[in-house]
């Protein structure tokens, strides 16, 4: 869900902390229906219709990929783990998301570009 969450969040945080985003940076290209520079699994799998959008967990189930959402750390518990100093556990949670997203990308992009 990079086009509707991750990229806007990074842009907003950049503005808050006054970190300029270089003109022409791939983050500024948020056009629909494109696979480059950003292939958004959430958008492609839902055909850009919010009512059909699925979570990463749901997408993993659809594509027969192990869900990254298993384990003690989840999105709603990151703050708790951070305050407890459990940075390694948070990093492992993030890496599971990255790996599942990459596997989903390989499967879905292969389908879209065949």
C-alpha atoms as a PDB file:
ATOM      1  CA  UNK A   1       0.000   0.000   0.000  1.00  0.00           C
ATOM      2  CA  UNK A   2       2.895   2.290  -0.774  1.00  0.00           C
ATOM      3  CA  UNK A   3       0.980   4.768  -2.912  1.00  0.00           C
ATOM      4  CA  UNK A   4      -1.722   5.399  -0.311  1.00  0.00           C
ATOM      5  CA  UNK A   5       0.229   5.008   2.919  1.00  0.00           C
ATOM      6  CA  UNK A   6       4.002   4.575   2.863  1.00  0.00           C
ATOM      7  CA  UNK A   7       4.925   7.255   0.339  1.00  0.00           C
ATOM      8  CA  UNK A   8       2.512   9.916   1.662  1.00  0.00           C
ATOM      9  CA  UNK A   9       3.728   9.161   5.202  1.00  0.00           C
ATOM     10  CA  UNK A  10       7.364   9.623   4.139  1.00  0.00           C
ATOM     11  CA  UNK A  11       6.508  12.863   2.323  1.00  0.00           C
ATOM     12  CA  UNK A  12       4.640  14.225   5.371  1.00  0.00           C
ATOM     13  CA  UNK A  13       7.460  13.270   7.740  1.00  0.00           C
ATOM     14  CA  UNK A  14       9.956  14.870   5.350  1.00  0.00           C
ATOM     15  CA  UNK A  15       7.972  18.088   5.514  1.00  0.00           C
ATOM     16  CA  UNK A  16       7.687  17.962   9.319  1.00  0.00           C
ATOM     17  CA  UNK A  17      11.430  17.447   9.724  1.00  0.00           C
ATOM     18  CA  UNK A  18      12.249  19.812   6.829  1.00  0.00           C
ATOM     19  CA  UNK A  19      14.023  17.148   4.791  1.00  0.00           C
ATOM     20  CA  UNK A  20      13.649  18.159   1.147  1.00  0.00           C
ATOM     21  CA  UNK A  21      12.649  15.592  -1.454  1.00  0.00           C
ATOM     22  CA  UNK A  22      14.627  16.053  -4.626  1.00  0.00           C
ATOM     23  CA  UNK A  23      12.552  17.237  -7.594  1.00  0.00           C
ATOM     24  CA  UNK A  24      11.825  14.290  -9.845  1.00  0.00           C
ATOM     25  CA  UNK A  25      12.442  11.737  -7.062  1.00  0.00           C
ATOM     26  CA  UNK A  26      10.459   8.530  -7.718  1.00  0.00           C
ATOM     27  CA  UNK A  27       8.365   9.211  -4.586  1.00  0.00           C
ATOM     28  CA  UNK A  28       6.828  12.196  -6.335  1.00  0.00           C
ATOM     29  CA  UNK A  29       5.525  10.018  -9.198  1.00  0.00           C
ATOM     30  CA  UNK A  30       2.342   8.550  -7.752  1.00  0.00           C
ATOM     31  CA  UNK A  31       0.387   7.958 -10.964  1.00  0.00           C
ATOM     32  CA  UNK A  32      -2.133   5.167 -11.090  1.00  0.00           C
ATOM     33  CA  UNK A  33      -1.845   2.129 -13.340  1.00  0.00           C
ATOM     34  CA  UNK A  34       1.945   2.261 -13.595  1.00  0.00           C
ATOM     35  CA  UNK A  35       4.361  -0.416 -12.470  1.00  0.00           C
ATOM     36  CA  UNK A  36       7.382   1.882 -12.392  1.00  0.00           C
ATOM     37  CA  UNK A  37       8.932   3.408 -10.406  1.00  0.00           C
ATOM     38  CA  UNK A  38       6.587   1.915  -7.811  1.00  0.00           C
ATOM     39  CA  UNK A  39       4.650  -1.339  -8.100  1.00  0.00           C
ATOM     40  CA  UNK A  40       1.904  -1.161  -5.490  1.00  0.00           C
ATOM     41  CA  UNK A  41       0.660  -4.669  -4.716  1.00  0.00           C
ATOM     42  CA  UNK A  42      -2.363  -3.378  -2.845  1.00  0.00           C
ATOM     43  CA  UNK A  43      -3.499  -1.200  -5.745  1.00  0.00           C
ATOM     44  CA  UNK A  44      -2.862  -3.806  -8.440  1.00  0.00           C
ATOM     45  CA  UNK A  45      -4.580  -6.600  -6.534  1.00  0.00           C
ATOM     46  CA  UNK A  46      -7.669  -4.444  -5.931  1.00  0.00           C
ATOM     47  CA  UNK A  47      -7.766  -2.932  -9.446  1.00  0.00           C
ATOM     48  CA  UNK A  48      -7.442   0.495  -7.798  1.00  0.00           C
ATOM     49  CA  UNK A  49     -10.814   0.141  -6.095  1.00  0.00           C
ATOM     50  CA  UNK A  50     -10.700   0.869  -2.345  1.00  0.00           C
ATOM     51  CA  UNK A  51     -13.682  -1.389  -1.640  1.00  0.00           C
ATOM     52  CA  UNK A  52     -11.674  -4.383  -2.923  1.00  0.00           C
ATOM     53  CA  UNK A  53      -8.359  -3.545  -1.230  1.00  0.00           C
ATOM     54  CA  UNK A  54      -6.852  -6.397   0.756  1.00  0.00           C
ATOM     55  CA  UNK A  55      -4.298  -6.341   3.532  1.00  0.00           C
ATOM     56  CA  UNK A  56      -0.802  -7.742   3.109  1.00  0.00           C
ATOM     57  CA  UNK A  57      -1.961 -10.733   5.150  1.00  0.00           C
ATOM     58  CA  UNK A  58      -4.894 -11.247   2.764  1.00  0.00           C
ATOM     59  CA  UNK A  59      -2.654 -10.839  -0.257  1.00  0.00           C
ATOM     60  CA  UNK A  60      -0.269 -13.452   1.159  1.00  0.00           C
ATOM     61  CA  UNK A  61      -3.185 -15.849   1.587  1.00  0.00           C
ATOM     62  CA  UNK A  62      -4.282 -15.230  -2.027  1.00  0.00           C
ATOM     63  CA  UNK A  63      -0.776 -15.813  -3.403  1.00  0.00           C
ATOM     64  CA  UNK A  64       0.132 -18.734  -1.102  1.00  0.00           C
ATOM     65  CA  UNK A  65       2.878 -16.845   0.738  1.00  0.00           C
ATOM     66  CA  UNK A  66       3.605 -17.231   4.448  1.00  0.00           C
ATOM     67  CA  UNK A  67       1.975 -14.337   6.281  1.00  0.00           C
ATOM     68  CA  UNK A  68       4.378 -11.886   7.918  1.00  0.00           C
ATOM     69  CA  UNK A  69       1.726 -10.995  10.463  1.00  0.00           C
ATOM     70  CA  UNK A  70       2.421 -13.973  12.711  1.00  0.00           C
ATOM     71  CA  UNK A  71       4.441 -13.262  15.829  1.00  0.00           C
ATOM     72  CA  UNK A  72       4.374 -11.078  18.912  1.00  0.00           C
ATOM     73  CA  UNK A  73       5.034  -7.770  17.145  1.00  0.00           C
ATOM     74  CA  UNK A  74       2.224  -6.372  15.028  1.00  0.00           C
ATOM     75  CA  UNK A  75       1.574  -2.877  13.713  1.00  0.00           C
ATOM     76  CA  UNK A  76      -0.519  -1.980  16.748  1.00  0.00           C
ATOM     77  CA  UNK A  77       2.156  -3.155  19.196  1.00  0.00           C
ATOM     78  CA  UNK A  78       5.262  -1.524  17.676  1.00  0.00           C
ATOM     79  CA  UNK A  79       5.124   1.404  20.096  1.00  0.00           C
ATOM     80  CA  UNK A  80       4.912  -0.920  23.101  1.00  0.00           C
ATOM     81  CA  UNK A  81       7.895  -2.952  21.914  1.00  0.00           C
ATOM     82  CA  UNK A  82       9.831   0.242  21.155  1.00  0.00           C
ATOM     83  CA  UNK A  83       9.216   1.610  24.644  1.00  0.00           C
ATOM     84  CA  UNK A  84      10.407  -1.718  26.053  1.00  0.00           C
ATOM     85  CA  UNK A  85      13.606  -1.420  23.990  1.00  0.00           C
ATOM     86  CA  UNK A  86      12.809  -4.464  21.881  1.00  0.00           C
ATOM     87  CA  UNK A  87      14.232  -3.007  18.680  1.00  0.00           C
ATOM     88  CA  UNK A  88      15.432  -6.372  17.347  1.00  0.00           C
ATOM     89  CA  UNK A  89      11.877  -7.763  17.494  1.00  0.00           C
ATOM     90  CA  UNK A  90      10.557  -4.712  15.625  1.00  0.00           C
ATOM     91  CA  UNK A  91      13.263  -5.115  12.974  1.00  0.00           C
ATOM     92  CA  UNK A  92      12.331  -8.784  12.536  1.00  0.00           C
ATOM     93  CA  UNK A  93       8.659  -7.812  12.143  1.00  0.00           C
ATOM     94  CA  UNK A  94       9.584  -5.241   9.491  1.00  0.00           C
ATOM     95  CA  UNK A  95      11.806  -7.729   7.665  1.00  0.00           C
ATOM     96  CA  UNK A  96       8.975 -10.282   7.528  1.00  0.00           C
ATOM     97  CA  UNK A  97       6.836  -7.620   5.844  1.00  0.00           C
ATOM     98  CA  UNK A  98       9.623  -6.794   3.387  1.00  0.00           C
ATOM     99  CA  UNK A  99      10.193 -10.439   2.468  1.00  0.00           C
ATOM    100  CA  UNK A 100       6.471 -11.169   2.030  1.00  0.00           C
ATOM    101  CA  UNK A 101       6.049  -8.012  -0.050  1.00  0.00           C
ATOM    102  CA  UNK A 102       8.990  -9.039  -2.242  1.00  0.00           C
ATOM    103  CA  UNK A 103       7.563 -12.527  -2.749  1.00  0.00           C
ATOM    104  CA  UNK A 104       4.164 -11.026  -3.582  1.00  0.00           C
ATOM    105  CA  UNK A 105       5.801  -8.598  -5.989  1.00  0.00           C
ATOM    106  CA  UNK A 106       7.583 -11.410  -7.826  1.00  0.00           C
ATOM    107  CA  UNK A 107       4.368 -13.419  -8.176  1.00  0.00           C
ATOM    108  CA  UNK A 108       2.076 -10.522  -9.053  1.00  0.00           C
ATOM    109  CA  UNK A 109       4.501  -8.687 -11.336  1.00  0.00           C
ATOM    110  CA  UNK A 110       5.099 -11.927 -13.239  1.00  0.00           C
ATOM    111  CA  UNK A 111       1.336 -12.191 -13.743  1.00  0.00           C
ATOM    112  CA  UNK A 112       0.867  -8.537 -14.771  1.00  0.00           C
ATOM    113  CA  UNK A 113       3.747  -8.525 -17.255  1.00  0.00           C
ATOM    114  CA  UNK A 114       3.033 -11.847 -18.993  1.00  0.00           C
END
